[in-house]
Amino acid sequence: MGELAKAVKGTIKIAYWDTEQQGGRPPLLGEIKGTPTIRLYKPKKKQGNSNKKKDVVDYNYERKAVDMKRFIDGQMPSFIEVVKGMKELTTFEEKAKRNGALPKVLLFTSKAKTSSLTKFLSTEFRRRILLAEIYPTKNNKEIMDKFGITDLPAMIVIRQSEVEGEEDKEEVVQYEGDGYTKNKLLTFLSKYALKEPYFPPPKKKKEDEEAEKEKKKKEKVEL
């Protein structure tokens, strides 16, 4: 497990529970029928502003580090948008605007599969940025030309201007770091991500909506 822990350091937490030690078993672990048992615990996607609810997945494959790493990569939560063409870019921009004007991050990549690092970043900055992957396809050529992207990989952040009097405009910042490592990307994105995660206001119950409509009707009558 040491080799696996080293491979996923900083993105996945590896821990173990000694079944022979004294004390009660943490409820999160659930029932253990045999040892060794390897389980993955990941937050459920839809649970409001909490991460307490977990999806539990048992690992039943080869006990080699490379196989376990492949399993973990496949199970990692991902909140990445995939943009294909200008129309989908517009949809992406509208989604960011609806959700508290989230800073938009575009990652231009030629990799066939989403990397575990990109998944990690999308989770780490969830509700603080909106992250999209863009592949160098014919449909995306117009997007790449728009932002002047010629070399891959490339990452840009699109955010509202901080210049006084130009708050309604957007500015584009391109990542120019030496290498796409976890720490460097964390530092870069932290500069532009929202300080606090954005949560949409709770939806009003039908009864509340009806009561509000009745209140407005009465106000009109009184006027």
C-alpha atoms as a PDB file:
ATOM      1  CA  MET A   1       0.000   0.000   0.000  1.00  0.00           C
ATOM      2  CA  GLY A   2       2.995   2.262   0.487  1.00  0.00           C
ATOM      3  CA  GLU A   3       3.657   2.350  -3.247  1.00  0.00           C
ATOM      4  CA  LEU A   4       0.004   3.241  -3.915  1.00  0.00           C
ATOM      5  CA  ALA A   5      -0.006   5.942  -1.217  1.00  0.00           C
ATOM      6  CA  LYS A   6       3.053   7.524  -2.848  1.00  0.00           C
ATOM      7  CA  ALA A   7       1.426   7.442  -6.305  1.00  0.00           C
ATOM      8  CA  VAL A   8      -1.758   9.237  -5.163  1.00  0.00           C
ATOM      9  CA  LYS A   9      -0.206  11.504  -2.523  1.00  0.00           C
ATOM     10  CA  GLY A  10      -2.028  14.804  -2.279  1.00  0.00           C
ATOM     11  CA  THR A  11      -5.105  13.712  -4.236  1.00  0.00           C
ATOM     12  CA  ILE A  12      -6.363  10.618  -2.368  1.00  0.00           C
ATOM     13  CA  LYS A  13      -6.096   9.752   1.325  1.00  0.00           C
ATOM     14  CA  ILE A  14      -4.936   6.205   2.084  1.00  0.00           C
ATOM     15  CA  ALA A  15      -5.674   4.828   5.573  1.00  0.00           C
ATOM     16  CA  TYR A  16      -5.997   1.442   7.225  1.00  0.00           C
ATOM     17  CA  TRP A  17      -7.953  -0.022  10.136  1.00  0.00           C
ATOM     18  CA  ASP A  18      -6.518  -2.822  12.269  1.00  0.00           C
ATOM     19  CA  THR A  19      -9.445  -5.187  12.921  1.00  0.00           C
ATOM     20  CA  GLU A  20      -7.633  -6.700  15.910  1.00  0.00           C
ATOM     21  CA  GLN A  21      -7.128  -3.444  17.770  1.00  0.00           C
ATOM     22  CA  GLN A  22      -9.316  -2.540  20.715  1.00  0.00           C
ATOM     23  CA  GLY A  23     -12.181  -0.103  20.385  1.00  0.00           C
ATOM     24  CA  GLY A  24     -15.272   0.049  18.245  1.00  0.00           C
ATOM     25  CA  ARG A  25     -15.103   0.080  14.500  1.00  0.00           C
ATOM     26  CA  PRO A  26     -15.933   3.497  12.954  1.00  0.00           C
ATOM     27  CA  PRO A  27     -19.499   3.380  11.533  1.00  0.00           C
ATOM     28  CA  LEU A  28     -18.232   4.674   8.193  1.00  0.00           C
ATOM     29  CA  LEU A  29     -16.376   1.413   7.566  1.00  0.00           C
ATOM     30  CA  GLY A  30     -19.564  -0.631   7.574  1.00  0.00           C
ATOM     31  CA  GLU A  31     -19.584  -4.428   7.857  1.00  0.00           C
ATOM     32  CA  ILE A  32     -16.299  -6.188   7.228  1.00  0.00           C
ATOM     33  CA  LYS A  33     -16.704  -9.850   6.325  1.00  0.00           C
ATOM     34  CA  GLY A  34     -13.080 -10.734   5.753  1.00  0.00           C
ATOM     35  CA  THR A  35      -9.566  -9.390   5.670  1.00  0.00           C
ATOM     36  CA  PRO A  36      -7.895  -7.815   3.889  1.00  0.00           C
ATOM     37  CA  THR A  37     -10.779  -5.625   2.681  1.00  0.00           C
ATOM     38  CA  ILE A  38     -10.091  -2.624   0.479  1.00  0.00           C
ATOM     39  CA  ARG A  39     -12.785   0.023   0.093  1.00  0.00           C
ATOM     40  CA  LEU A  40     -13.084   3.373  -1.579  1.00  0.00           C
ATOM     41  CA  TYR A  41     -15.164   6.108   0.061  1.00  0.00           C
ATOM     42  CA  LYS A  42     -16.092   9.082  -2.082  1.00  0.00           C
ATOM     43  CA  PRO A  43     -18.583  11.929  -1.510  1.00  0.00           C
ATOM     44  CA  LYS A  44     -21.954  11.609  -3.176  1.00  0.00           C
ATOM     45  CA  LYS A  45     -22.306  14.153  -5.966  1.00  0.00           C
ATOM     46  CA  LYS A  46     -25.673  15.601  -4.963  1.00  0.00           C
ATOM     47  CA  GLN A  47     -25.906  16.383  -1.251  1.00  0.00           C
ATOM     48  CA  GLY A  48     -26.157  20.154  -0.992  1.00  0.00           C
ATOM     49  CA  ASN A  49     -23.329  21.811   0.911  1.00  0.00           C
ATOM     50  CA  SER A  50     -22.182  18.693   2.756  1.00  0.00           C
ATOM     51  CA  ASN A  51     -19.666  15.948   2.052  1.00  0.00           C
ATOM     52  CA  LYS A  52     -20.847  13.591   4.796  1.00  0.00           C
ATOM     53  CA  LYS A  53     -22.735  11.157   2.560  1.00  0.00           C
ATOM     54  CA  LYS A  54     -20.437   8.670   0.877  1.00  0.00           C
ATOM     55  CA  ASP A  55     -20.593   6.180  -1.946  1.00  0.00           C
ATOM     56  CA  VAL A  56     -18.798   3.006  -0.867  1.00  0.00           C
ATOM     57  CA  VAL A  57     -17.110   0.823  -3.486  1.00  0.00           C
ATOM     58  CA  ASP A  58     -15.376  -2.449  -2.669  1.00  0.00           C
ATOM     59  CA  TYR A  59     -12.156  -3.246  -4.521  1.00  0.00           C
ATOM     60  CA  ASN A  60     -12.111  -6.810  -5.859  1.00  0.00           C
ATOM     61  CA  TYR A  61      -9.222  -6.846  -8.316  1.00  0.00           C
ATOM     62  CA  GLU A  62      -5.493  -7.576  -8.303  1.00  0.00           C
ATOM     63  CA  ARG A  63      -3.684  -6.287  -5.215  1.00  0.00           C
ATOM     64  CA  LYS A  64      -0.959  -4.658  -7.269  1.00  0.00           C
ATOM     65  CA  ALA A  65      -0.341  -0.929  -6.915  1.00  0.00           C
ATOM     66  CA  VAL A  66      -0.753  -0.298 -10.650  1.00  0.00           C
ATOM     67  CA  ASP A  67      -4.173  -2.003 -10.698  1.00  0.00           C
ATOM     68  CA  MET A  68      -5.363  -0.204  -7.569  1.00  0.00           C
ATOM     69  CA  LYS A  69      -4.163   3.114  -9.005  1.00  0.00           C
ATOM     70  CA  ARG A  70      -6.133   2.476 -12.193  1.00  0.00           C
ATOM     71  CA  PHE A  71      -9.231   1.666 -10.119  1.00  0.00           C
ATOM     72  CA  ILE A  72      -8.874   4.832  -8.026  1.00  0.00           C
ATOM     73  CA  ASP A  73      -8.375   7.028 -11.102  1.00  0.00           C
ATOM     74  CA  GLY A  74     -11.576   5.652 -12.595  1.00  0.00           C
ATOM     75  CA  GLN A  75     -13.559   6.232  -9.406  1.00  0.00           C
ATOM     76  CA  MET A  76     -12.372   9.761  -8.629  1.00  0.00           C
ATOM     77  CA  PRO A  77     -15.186  12.349  -8.545  1.00  0.00           C
ATOM     78  CA  SER A  78     -15.166  14.672 -11.538  1.00  0.00           C
ATOM     79  CA  PHE A  79     -16.904  18.025 -11.974  1.00  0.00           C
ATOM     80  CA  ILE A  80     -15.402  18.805 -15.360  1.00  0.00           C
ATOM     81  CA  GLU A  81     -17.376  20.141 -18.286  1.00  0.00           C
ATOM     82  CA  VAL A  82     -16.385  18.955 -21.762  1.00  0.00           C
ATOM     83  CA  VAL A  83     -16.827  21.664 -24.391  1.00  0.00           C
ATOM     84  CA  LYS A  84     -17.262  20.754 -28.062  1.00  0.00           C
ATOM     85  CA  GLY A  85     -17.691  23.800 -30.220  1.00  0.00           C
ATOM     86  CA  MET A  86     -18.763  27.423 -29.779  1.00  0.00           C
ATOM     87  CA  LYS A  87     -22.359  26.533 -28.958  1.00  0.00           C
ATOM     88  CA  GLU A  88     -21.299  24.411 -25.993  1.00  0.00           C
ATOM     89  CA  LEU A  89     -18.861  27.130 -24.928  1.00  0.00           C
ATOM     90  CA  THR A  90     -21.809  29.529 -24.712  1.00  0.00           C
ATOM     91  CA  THR A  91     -23.735  26.980 -22.624  1.00  0.00           C
ATOM     92  CA  PHE A  92     -20.685  26.637 -20.360  1.00  0.00           C
ATOM     93  CA  GLU A  93     -20.451  30.414 -19.942  1.00  0.00           C
ATOM     94  CA  GLU A  94     -24.155  30.662 -19.111  1.00  0.00           C
ATOM     95  CA  LYS A  95     -23.800  27.966 -16.460  1.00  0.00           C
ATOM     96  CA  ALA A  96     -20.941  29.859 -14.825  1.00  0.00           C
ATOM     97  CA  LYS A  97     -23.012  33.047 -14.844  1.00  0.00           C
ATOM     98  CA  ARG A  98     -26.035  31.315 -13.259  1.00  0.00           C
ATOM     99  CA  ASN A  99     -23.862  29.990 -10.453  1.00  0.00           C
ATOM    100  CA  GLY A 100     -22.593  33.146  -8.842  1.00  0.00           C
ATOM    101  CA  ALA A 101     -20.527  34.343 -11.829  1.00  0.00           C
ATOM    102  CA  LEU A 102     -17.946  31.613 -11.291  1.00  0.00           C
ATOM    103  CA  PRO A 103     -14.509  32.223 -12.821  1.00  0.00           C
ATOM    104  CA  LYS A 104     -14.247  30.043 -15.936  1.00  0.00           C
ATOM    105  CA  VAL A 105     -11.211  27.826 -16.478  1.00  0.00           C
ATOM    106  CA  LEU A 106     -10.488  26.289 -19.868  1.00  0.00           C
ATOM    107  CA  LEU A 107      -7.939  23.485 -20.072  1.00  0.00           C
ATOM    108  CA  PHE A 108      -6.818  22.795 -23.639  1.00  0.00           C
ATOM    109  CA  THR A 109      -5.422  19.274 -23.778  1.00  0.00           C
ATOM    110  CA  SER A 110      -4.605  16.570 -26.297  1.00  0.00           C
ATOM    111  CA  LYS A 111      -4.831  13.711 -23.779  1.00  0.00           C
ATOM    112  CA  ALA A 112      -7.450  11.111 -24.683  1.00  0.00           C
ATOM    113  CA  LYS A 113      -8.540  10.652 -21.064  1.00  0.00           C
ATOM    114  CA  THR A 114      -9.097  13.103 -18.248  1.00  0.00           C
ATOM    115  CA  SER A 115      -6.154  12.906 -15.859  1.00  0.00           C
ATOM    116  CA  SER A 116      -6.549  12.249 -12.148  1.00  0.00           C
ATOM    117  CA  LEU A 117      -4.933  15.642 -11.484  1.00  0.00           C
ATOM    118  CA  THR A 118      -7.624  17.430 -13.508  1.00  0.00           C
ATOM    119  CA  LYS A 119     -10.344  15.524 -11.644  1.00  0.00           C
ATOM    120  CA  PHE A 120      -8.710  16.488  -8.360  1.00  0.00           C
ATOM    121  CA  LEU A 121      -8.643  20.166  -9.332  1.00  0.00           C
ATOM    122  CA  SER A 122     -12.300  20.100 -10.369  1.00  0.00           C
ATOM    123  CA  THR A 123     -13.185  18.685  -6.947  1.00  0.00           C
ATOM    124  CA  GLU A 124     -10.833  20.886  -4.934  1.00  0.00           C
ATOM    125  CA  PHE A 125     -12.242  24.049  -6.521  1.00  0.00           C
ATOM    126  CA  ARG A 126     -15.812  22.846  -6.901  1.00  0.00           C
ATOM    127  CA  ARG A 127     -18.316  25.729  -6.712  1.00  0.00           C
ATOM    128  CA  ARG A 128     -15.389  28.179  -6.739  1.00  0.00           C
ATOM    129  CA  ILE A 129     -14.529  27.834 -10.440  1.00  0.00           C
ATOM    130  CA  LEU A 130     -16.105  26.113 -13.418  1.00  0.00           C
ATOM    131  CA  LEU A 131     -13.588  23.936 -15.239  1.00  0.00           C
ATOM    132  CA  ALA A 132     -13.857  22.703 -18.818  1.00  0.00           C
ATOM    133  CA  GLU A 133     -11.652  20.498 -20.967  1.00  0.00           C
ATOM    134  CA  ILE A 134     -11.249  21.358 -24.625  1.00  0.00           C
ATOM    135  CA  TYR A 135      -9.699  18.959 -27.129  1.00  0.00           C
ATOM    136  CA  PRO A 136      -7.951  20.060 -30.363  1.00  0.00           C
ATOM    137  CA  THR A 137     -10.755  18.944 -32.675  1.00  0.00           C
ATOM    138  CA  LYS A 138     -12.189  20.571 -35.778  1.00  0.00           C
ATOM    139  CA  ASN A 139     -15.217  21.751 -33.773  1.00  0.00           C
ATOM    140  CA  ASN A 140     -12.955  23.470 -31.247  1.00  0.00           C
ATOM    141  CA  LYS A 141     -10.645  25.220 -33.696  1.00  0.00           C
ATOM    142  CA  GLU A 142     -12.692  28.433 -33.470  1.00  0.00           C
ATOM    143  CA  ILE A 143     -12.371  28.399 -29.663  1.00  0.00           C
ATOM    144  CA  MET A 144      -8.615  27.867 -29.837  1.00  0.00           C
ATOM    145  CA  ASP A 145      -8.280  30.682 -32.376  1.00  0.00           C
ATOM    146  CA  LYS A 146     -10.422  32.981 -30.223  1.00  0.00           C
ATOM    147  CA  PHE A 147      -8.039  32.630 -27.273  1.00  0.00           C
ATOM    148  CA  GLY A 148      -4.848  32.359 -29.326  1.00  0.00           C
ATOM    149  CA  ILE A 149      -4.052  28.782 -28.256  1.00  0.00           C
ATOM    150  CA  THR A 150      -1.352  27.198 -30.425  1.00  0.00           C
ATOM    151  CA  ASP A 151       0.567  24.932 -28.031  1.00  0.00           C
ATOM    152  CA  LEU A 152      -0.835  22.204 -25.768  1.00  0.00           C
ATOM    153  CA  PRO A 153      -1.430  21.829 -22.947  1.00  0.00           C
ATOM    154  CA  ALA A 154      -2.699  25.320 -22.148  1.00  0.00           C
ATOM    155  CA  MET A 155      -4.878  26.728 -19.412  1.00  0.00           C
ATOM    156  CA  ILE A 156      -6.676  30.052 -19.213  1.00  0.00           C
ATOM    157  CA  VAL A 157      -8.878  31.701 -16.599  1.00  0.00           C
ATOM    158  CA  ILE A 158     -11.706  33.994 -17.683  1.00  0.00           C
ATOM    159  CA  ARG A 159     -12.997  36.250 -14.931  1.00  0.00           C
ATOM    160  CA  GLN A 160     -14.745  39.546 -14.408  1.00  0.00           C
ATOM    161  CA  SER A 161     -12.430  42.527 -14.708  1.00  0.00           C
ATOM    162  CA  GLU A 162     -11.260  44.078 -11.453  1.00  0.00           C
ATOM    163  CA  VAL A 163     -10.542  47.428 -13.125  1.00  0.00           C
ATOM    164  CA  GLU A 164     -12.780  50.139 -11.697  1.00  0.00           C
ATOM    165  CA  GLY A 165     -15.523  51.049 -14.137  1.00  0.00           C
ATOM    166  CA  GLU A 166     -14.956  47.915 -16.246  1.00  0.00           C
ATOM    167  CA  GLU A 167     -16.591  45.343 -13.975  1.00  0.00           C
ATOM    168  CA  ASP A 168     -18.953  44.314 -16.787  1.00  0.00           C
ATOM    169  CA  LYS A 169     -15.991  43.230 -18.923  1.00  0.00           C
ATOM    170  CA  GLU A 170     -13.950  40.035 -18.727  1.00  0.00           C
ATOM    171  CA  GLU A 171     -10.213  39.463 -18.618  1.00  0.00           C
ATOM    172  CA  VAL A 172      -8.318  36.389 -19.740  1.00  0.00           C
ATOM    173  CA  VAL A 173      -5.289  35.143 -17.798  1.00  0.00           C
ATOM    174  CA  GLN A 174      -3.135  32.350 -19.218  1.00  0.00           C
ATOM    175  CA  TYR A 175      -1.144  29.953 -17.072  1.00  0.00           C
ATOM    176  CA  GLU A 176       2.534  30.396 -17.843  1.00  0.00           C
ATOM    177  CA  GLY A 177       4.060  28.200 -15.164  1.00  0.00           C
ATOM    178  CA  ASP A 178       6.909  25.770 -15.714  1.00  0.00           C
ATOM    179  CA  GLY A 179       5.047  22.459 -15.858  1.00  0.00           C
ATOM    180  CA  TYR A 180       1.548  21.312 -14.972  1.00  0.00           C
ATOM    181  CA  THR A 181       2.177  19.988 -11.483  1.00  0.00           C
ATOM    182  CA  LYS A 182      -0.375  19.803  -8.694  1.00  0.00           C
ATOM    183  CA  ASN A 183       1.195  22.446  -6.453  1.00  0.00           C
ATOM    184  CA  LYS A 184       1.760  24.924  -9.273  1.00  0.00           C
ATOM    185  CA  LEU A 185      -1.782  24.589 -10.585  1.00  0.00           C
ATOM    186  CA  LEU A 186      -3.215  24.863  -7.068  1.00  0.00           C
ATOM    187  CA  THR A 187      -1.285  28.094  -6.551  1.00  0.00           C
ATOM    188  CA  PHE A 188      -2.385  29.494  -9.912  1.00  0.00           C
ATOM    189  CA  LEU A 189      -6.086  28.654  -9.587  1.00  0.00           C
ATOM    190  CA  SER A 190      -6.219  29.809  -5.955  1.00  0.00           C
ATOM    191  CA  LYS A 191      -5.500  33.346  -7.148  1.00  0.00           C
ATOM    192  CA  TYR A 192      -8.653  33.478  -9.258  1.00  0.00           C
ATOM    193  CA  ALA A 193     -11.115  31.095  -7.602  1.00  0.00           C
ATOM    194  CA  LEU A 194     -13.898  32.466  -5.410  1.00  0.00           C
ATOM    195  CA  LYS A 195     -12.842  32.656  -1.768  1.00  0.00           C
ATOM    196  CA  GLU A 196     -15.970  30.793  -0.666  1.00  0.00           C
ATOM    197  CA  PRO A 197     -17.965  28.156  -2.579  1.00  0.00           C
ATOM    198  CA  TYR A 198     -21.158  29.358  -4.225  1.00  0.00           C
ATOM    199  CA  PHE A 199     -24.396  27.560  -3.371  1.00  0.00           C
ATOM    200  CA  PRO A 200     -27.606  28.471  -5.210  1.00  0.00           C
ATOM    201  CA  PRO A 201     -30.424  29.696  -2.966  1.00  0.00           C
ATOM    202  CA  PRO A 202     -32.765  26.916  -1.806  1.00  0.00           C
ATOM    203  CA  LYS A 203     -35.789  26.383  -3.976  1.00  0.00           C
ATOM    204  CA  LYS A 204     -39.013  27.687  -2.510  1.00  0.00           C
ATOM    205  CA  LYS A 205     -41.639  25.149  -1.597  1.00  0.00           C
ATOM    206  CA  LYS A 206     -44.847  25.209  -3.611  1.00  0.00           C
ATOM    207  CA  GLU A 207     -46.814  26.343  -0.550  1.00  0.00           C
ATOM    208  CA  ASP A 208     -44.467  29.286  -0.029  1.00  0.00           C
ATOM    209  CA  GLU A 209     -44.760  30.292  -3.677  1.00  0.00           C
ATOM    210  CA  GLU A 210     -48.562  30.224  -3.500  1.00  0.00           C
ATOM    211  CA  ALA A 211     -48.535  32.274  -0.287  1.00  0.00           C
ATOM    212  CA  GLU A 212     -46.243  34.834  -1.898  1.00  0.00           C
ATOM    213  CA  LYS A 213     -48.547  35.116  -4.932  1.00  0.00           C
ATOM    214  CA  GLU A 214     -51.561  35.677  -2.665  1.00  0.00           C
ATOM    215  CA  LYS A 215     -49.661  38.341  -0.754  1.00  0.00           C
ATOM    216  CA  LYS A 216     -48.834  40.199  -3.966  1.00  0.00           C
ATOM    217  CA  LYS A 217     -52.467  40.014  -5.084  1.00  0.00           C
ATOM    218  CA  LYS A 218     -53.640  41.570  -1.804  1.00  0.00           C
ATOM    219  CA  GLU A 219     -51.037  44.328  -2.104  1.00  0.00           C
ATOM    220  CA  LYS A 220     -52.325  45.177  -5.581  1.00  0.00           C
ATOM    221  CA  VAL A 221     -55.920  45.273  -4.355  1.00  0.00           C
ATOM    222  CA  GLU A 222     -54.994  47.598  -1.489  1.00  0.00           C
ATOM    223  CA  LEU A 223     -53.211  49.931  -3.890  1.00  0.00           C
END
